[in-house]
């Protein structure tokens, strides 16, 4: 079975970011550089770190 990553519209992934399989990033998510995304996030989330945490929710 092929596992996939879903990245929504207008998302921004910083350089050297890594997203593992079966993770969903909804629309307008911003991922900081060198982040390891191991969970799904809601729309308008600013995330970063290793492992990734929610930094801020945009309006």
PDB file of N, CA and C in Angstrom:
ATOM      1  N   UNK A   1       0.836  -1.191   0.000  1.00  0.00           N
ATOM      2  CA  UNK A   1       0.000   0.000   0.000  1.00  0.00           C
ATOM      3  C   UNK A   1       0.875   1.247   0.000  1.00  0.00           C
ATOM      4  N   UNK A   2       0.532   2.187  -0.841  1.00  0.00           N
ATOM      5  CA  UNK A   2       1.300   3.425  -0.930  1.00  0.00           C
ATOM      6  C   UNK A   2       0.725   4.430   0.062  1.00  0.00           C
ATOM      7  N   UNK A   3       1.592   4.961   0.905  1.00  0.00           N
ATOM      8  CA  UNK A   3       1.181   5.994   1.861  1.00  0.00           C
ATOM      9  C   UNK A   3       1.446   7.350   1.226  1.00  0.00           C
ATOM     10  N   UNK A   4       0.582   8.308   1.517  1.00  0.00           N
ATOM     11  CA  UNK A   4       0.737   9.605   0.875  1.00  0.00           C
ATOM     12  C   UNK A   4       0.700  10.745   1.879  1.00  0.00           C
ATOM     13  N   UNK A   5       1.112  11.896   1.407  1.00  0.00           N
ATOM     14  CA  UNK A   5       1.086  13.138   2.175  1.00  0.00           C
ATOM     15  C   UNK A   5       0.115  14.068   1.458  1.00  0.00           C
ATOM     16  N   UNK A   6      -0.765  14.734   2.223  1.00  0.00           N
ATOM     17  CA  UNK A   6      -1.690  15.691   1.621  1.00  0.00           C
ATOM     18  C   UNK A   6      -1.276  17.087   2.059  1.00  0.00           C
ATOM     19  N   UNK A   7      -0.965  17.927   1.084  1.00  0.00           N
ATOM     20  CA  UNK A   7      -0.602  19.318   1.360  1.00  0.00           C
ATOM     21  C   UNK A   7      -1.635  20.186   0.675  1.00  0.00           C
ATOM     22  N   UNK A   8      -2.313  21.016   1.465  1.00  0.00           N
ATOM     23  CA  UNK A   8      -3.394  21.846   0.949  1.00  0.00           C
ATOM     24  C   UNK A   8      -2.911  22.998   0.091  1.00  0.00           C
ATOM     25  N   UNK A   9      -3.856  23.774  -0.376  1.00  0.00           N
ATOM     26  CA  UNK A   9      -3.571  24.933  -1.216  1.00  0.00           C
ATOM     27  C   UNK A   9      -2.880  26.035  -0.426  1.00  0.00           C
ATOM     28  N   UNK A  10      -1.959  26.724  -1.083  1.00  0.00           N
ATOM     29  CA  UNK A  10      -1.287  27.900  -0.548  1.00  0.00           C
ATOM     30  C   UNK A  10      -0.477  27.608   0.720  1.00  0.00           C
ATOM     31  N   UNK A  11       0.076  26.417   0.851  1.00  0.00           N
ATOM     32  CA  UNK A  11       0.953  26.083   1.974  1.00  0.00           C
ATOM     33  C   UNK A  11       2.379  26.505   1.637  1.00  0.00           C
ATOM     34  N   UNK A  12       3.151  26.802   2.665  1.00  0.00           N
ATOM     35  CA  UNK A  12       4.544  27.186   2.496  1.00  0.00           C
ATOM     36  C   UNK A  12       5.391  26.264   3.350  1.00  0.00           C
ATOM     37  N   UNK A  13       6.298  25.527   2.720  1.00  0.00           N
ATOM     38  CA  UNK A  13       7.204  24.636   3.443  1.00  0.00           C
ATOM     39  C   UNK A  13       8.605  25.218   3.377  1.00  0.00           C
ATOM     40  N   UNK A  14       9.199  25.423   4.553  1.00  0.00           N
ATOM     41  CA  UNK A  14      10.546  25.955   4.616  1.00  0.00           C
ATOM     42  C   UNK A  14      11.566  24.956   4.099  1.00  0.00           C
ATOM     43  N   UNK A  15      12.746  25.461   3.770  1.00  0.00           N
ATOM     44  CA  UNK A  15      13.814  24.628   3.232  1.00  0.00           C
ATOM     45  C   UNK A  15      14.204  23.535   4.233  1.00  0.00           C
ATOM     46  N   UNK A  16      14.488  22.361   3.727  1.00  0.00           N
ATOM     47  CA  UNK A  16      14.887  21.185   4.498  1.00  0.00           C
ATOM     48  C   UNK A  16      13.803  20.680   5.449  1.00  0.00           C
ATOM     49  N   UNK A  17      12.537  21.009   5.186  1.00  0.00           N
ATOM     50  CA  UNK A  17      11.424  20.461   5.969  1.00  0.00           C
ATOM     51  C   UNK A  17      11.170  19.035   5.523  1.00  0.00           C
ATOM     52  N   UNK A  18      10.720  18.210   6.455  1.00  0.00           N
ATOM     53  CA  UNK A  18      10.410  16.818   6.131  1.00  0.00           C
ATOM     54  C   UNK A  18       9.019  16.503   6.659  1.00  0.00           C
ATOM     55  N   UNK A  19       8.181  15.932   5.790  1.00  0.00           N
ATOM     56  CA  UNK A  19       6.820  15.559   6.145  1.00  0.00           C
ATOM     57  C   UNK A  19       6.699  14.050   5.984  1.00  0.00           C
ATOM     58  N   UNK A  20       6.316  13.356   7.061  1.00  0.00           N
ATOM     59  CA  UNK A  20       6.225  11.898   6.992  1.00  0.00           C
ATOM     60  C   UNK A  20       4.909  11.471   6.345  1.00  0.00           C
ATOM     61  N   UNK A  21       4.839  10.226   5.858  1.00  0.00           N
ATOM     62  CA  UNK A  21       3.614   9.734   5.221  1.00  0.00           C
ATOM     63  C   UNK A  21       2.401   9.769   6.153  1.00  0.00           C
ATOM     64  N   UNK A  22       1.223   9.877   5.554  1.00  0.00           N
ATOM     65  CA  UNK A  22      -0.077   9.916   6.229  1.00  0.00           C
ATOM     66  C   UNK A  22      -0.326  11.189   7.030  1.00  0.00           C
ATOM     67  N   UNK A  23       0.419  12.251   6.753  1.00  0.00           N
ATOM     68  CA  UNK A  23       0.211  13.545   7.399  1.00  0.00           C
ATOM     69  C   UNK A  23      -0.563  14.436   6.440  1.00  0.00           C
ATOM     70  N   UNK A  24      -1.491  15.232   6.991  1.00  0.00           N
ATOM     71  CA  UNK A  24      -2.261  16.180   6.193  1.00  0.00           C
ATOM     72  C   UNK A  24      -2.033  17.594   6.705  1.00  0.00           C
ATOM     73  N   UNK A  25      -1.630  18.476   5.811  1.00  0.00           N
ATOM     74  CA  UNK A  25      -1.523  19.896   6.116  1.00  0.00           C
ATOM     75  C   UNK A  25      -2.624  20.586   5.333  1.00  0.00           C
ATOM     76  N   UNK A  26      -3.557  21.198   6.045  1.00  0.00           N
ATOM     77  CA  UNK A  26      -4.671  21.865   5.378  1.00  0.00           C
ATOM     78  C   UNK A  26      -4.215  23.181   4.762  1.00  0.00           C
ATOM     79  N   UNK A  27      -5.136  23.877   4.121  1.00  0.00           N
ATOM     80  CA  UNK A  27      -4.828  25.107   3.397  1.00  0.00           C
ATOM     81  C   UNK A  27      -4.160  26.157   4.270  1.00  0.00           C
ATOM     82  N   UNK A  28      -3.257  26.911   3.657  1.00  0.00           N
ATOM     83  CA  UNK A  28      -2.586  28.066   4.253  1.00  0.00           C
ATOM     84  C   UNK A  28      -1.718  27.732   5.471  1.00  0.00           C
ATOM     85  N   UNK A  29      -1.146  26.538   5.531  1.00  0.00           N
ATOM     86  CA  UNK A  29      -0.205  26.192   6.600  1.00  0.00           C
ATOM     87  C   UNK A  29       1.188  26.708   6.250  1.00  0.00           C
ATOM     88  N   UNK A  30       1.927  27.131   7.272  1.00  0.00           N
ATOM     89  CA  UNK A  30       3.300  27.585   7.090  1.00  0.00           C
ATOM     90  C   UNK A  30       4.186  26.703   7.956  1.00  0.00           C
ATOM     91  N   UNK A  31       5.186  26.073   7.339  1.00  0.00           N
ATOM     92  CA  UNK A  31       6.093  25.173   8.040  1.00  0.00           C
ATOM     93  C   UNK A  31       7.471  25.824   8.086  1.00  0.00           C
ATOM     94  N   UNK A  32       8.042  25.964   9.278  1.00  0.00           N
ATOM     95  CA  UNK A  32       9.353  26.584   9.440  1.00  0.00           C
ATOM     96  C   UNK A  32      10.443  25.703   8.826  1.00  0.00           C
ATOM     97  N   UNK A  33      11.565  26.308   8.504  1.00  0.00           N
ATOM     98  CA  UNK A  33      12.690  25.590   7.912  1.00  0.00           C
ATOM     99  C   UNK A  33      13.208  24.520   8.867  1.00  0.00           C
ATOM    100  N   UNK A  34      13.685  23.426   8.314  1.00  0.00           N
ATOM    101  CA  UNK A  34      14.288  22.293   9.046  1.00  0.00           C
ATOM    102  C   UNK A  34      13.324  21.644  10.032  1.00  0.00           C
ATOM    103  N   UNK A  35      12.038  21.691   9.762  1.00  0.00           N
ATOM    104  CA  UNK A  35      11.041  21.082  10.648  1.00  0.00           C
ATOM    105  C   UNK A  35      10.775  19.638  10.255  1.00  0.00           C
ATOM    106  N   UNK A  36      10.419  18.827  11.241  1.00  0.00           N
ATOM    107  CA  UNK A  36      10.050  17.430  11.023  1.00  0.00           C
ATOM    108  C   UNK A  36       8.578  17.300  11.367  1.00  0.00           C
ATOM    109  N   UNK A  37       7.726  17.245  10.338  1.00  0.00           N
ATOM    110  CA  UNK A  37       6.277  17.243  10.526  1.00  0.00           C
ATOM    111  C   UNK A  37       5.802  15.803  10.697  1.00  0.00           C
ATOM    112  N   UNK A  38       5.349  15.477  11.923  1.00  0.00           N
ATOM    113  CA  UNK A  38       4.944  14.104  12.234  1.00  0.00           C
ATOM    114  C   UNK A  38       3.475  13.987  12.610  1.00  0.00           C
ATOM    115  N   UNK A  39       2.710  15.068  12.454  1.00  0.00           N
ATOM    116  CA  UNK A  39       1.276  15.036  12.734  1.00  0.00           C
ATOM    117  C   UNK A  39       0.552  16.008  11.812  1.00  0.00           C
ATOM    118  N   UNK A  40      -0.753  15.846  11.701  1.00  0.00           N
ATOM    119  CA  UNK A  40      -1.562  16.698  10.835  1.00  0.00           C
ATOM    120  C   UNK A  40      -1.913  18.004  11.545  1.00  0.00           C
ATOM    121  N   UNK A  41      -2.137  19.063  10.753  1.00  0.00           N
ATOM    122  CA  UNK A  41      -2.481  20.369  11.306  1.00  0.00           C
ATOM    123  C   UNK A  41      -3.647  20.973  10.554  1.00  0.00           C
ATOM    124  N   UNK A  42      -4.404  21.817  11.258  1.00  0.00           N
ATOM    125  CA  UNK A  42      -5.579  22.495  10.722  1.00  0.00           C
ATOM    126  C   UNK A  42      -5.164  23.657   9.824  1.00  0.00           C
ATOM    127  N   UNK A  43      -6.130  24.217   9.083  1.00  0.00           N
ATOM    128  CA  UNK A  43      -5.814  25.369   8.230  1.00  0.00           C
ATOM    129  C   UNK A  43      -5.297  26.568   9.033  1.00  0.00           C
ATOM    130  N   UNK A  44      -4.485  27.368   8.402  1.00  0.00           N
ATOM    131  CA  UNK A  44      -3.940  28.604   8.954  1.00  0.00           C
ATOM    132  C   UNK A  44      -3.020  28.376  10.162  1.00  0.00           C
ATOM    133  N   UNK A  45      -2.318  27.261  10.184  1.00  0.00           N
ATOM    134  CA  UNK A  45      -1.388  26.952  11.272  1.00  0.00           C
ATOM    135  C   UNK A  45       0.035  27.333  10.870  1.00  0.00           C
ATOM    136  N   UNK A  46       0.757  27.937  11.810  1.00  0.00           N
ATOM    137  CA  UNK A  46       2.184  28.178  11.652  1.00  0.00           C
ATOM    138  C   UNK A  46       2.864  27.177  12.571  1.00  0.00           C
ATOM    139  N   UNK A  47       3.702  26.306  12.000  1.00  0.00           N
ATOM    140  CA  UNK A  47       4.278  25.205  12.764  1.00  0.00           C
ATOM    141  C   UNK A  47       5.782  25.144  12.552  1.00  0.00           C
ATOM    142  N   UNK A  48       6.461  24.524  13.516  1.00  0.00           N
ATOM    143  CA  UNK A  48       7.901  24.360  13.375  1.00  0.00           C
ATOM    144  C   UNK A  48       8.463  23.516  14.490  1.00  0.00           C
ATOM    145  N   UNK A  49       9.696  23.077  14.324  1.00  0.00           N
ATOM    146  CA  UNK A  49      10.401  22.315  15.342  1.00  0.00           C
ATOM    147  C   UNK A  49      10.614  20.869  14.954  1.00  0.00           C
ATOM    148  N   UNK A  50      11.242  20.151  15.880  1.00  0.00           N
ATOM    149  CA  UNK A  50      11.523  18.734  15.692  1.00  0.00           C
ATOM    150  C   UNK A  50      11.311  18.019  17.014  1.00  0.00           C
ATOM    151  N   UNK A  51      10.154  17.412  17.256  1.00  0.00           N
ATOM    152  CA  UNK A  51       8.998  17.281  16.370  1.00  0.00           C
ATOM    153  C   UNK A  51       8.208  18.591  16.281  1.00  0.00           C
ATOM    154  N   UNK A  52       7.397  18.686  15.281  1.00  0.00           N
ATOM    155  CA  UNK A  52       6.677  19.921  14.991  1.00  0.00           C
ATOM    156  C   UNK A  52       5.620  20.238  16.043  1.00  0.00           C
ATOM    157  N   UNK A  53       5.554  21.514  16.402  1.00  0.00           N
ATOM    158  CA  UNK A  53       4.534  22.015  17.333  1.00  0.00           C
ATOM    159  C   UNK A  53       3.848  23.225  16.702  1.00  0.00           C
ATOM    160  N   UNK A  54       2.638  23.496  17.162  1.00  0.00           N
ATOM    161  CA  UNK A  54       1.913  24.671  16.707  1.00  0.00           C
ATOM    162  C   UNK A  54       2.542  25.908  17.342  1.00  0.00           C
ATOM    163  N   UNK A  55       2.967  26.848  16.505  1.00  0.00           N
ATOM    164  CA  UNK A  55       3.556  28.084  16.988  1.00  0.00           C
ATOM    165  C   UNK A  55       2.501  29.165  17.114  1.00  0.00           C
ATOM    166  N   UNK A  56       1.666  29.264  16.075  1.00  0.00           N
ATOM    167  CA  UNK A  56       0.654  30.322  16.043  1.00  0.00           C
ATOM    168  C   UNK A  56      -0.461  29.910  15.100  1.00  0.00           C
ATOM    169  N   UNK A  57      -1.642  30.389  15.361  1.00  0.00           N
ATOM    170  CA  UNK A  57      -2.796  30.183  14.488  1.00  0.00           C
ATOM    171  C   UNK A  57      -3.101  31.504  13.810  1.00  0.00           C
ATOM    172  N   UNK A  58      -3.058  31.542  12.466  1.00  0.00           N
ATOM    173  CA  UNK A  58      -3.352  32.756  11.725  1.00  0.00           C
ATOM    174  C   UNK A  58      -4.856  32.947  11.623  1.00  0.00           C
ATOM    175  N   UNK A  59      -5.305  34.189  11.437  1.00  0.00           N
ATOM    176  CA  UNK A  59      -6.731  34.487  11.334  1.00  0.00           C
ATOM    177  C   UNK A  59      -7.157  34.540   9.895  1.00  0.00           C
TER     178      UNK A  59
END
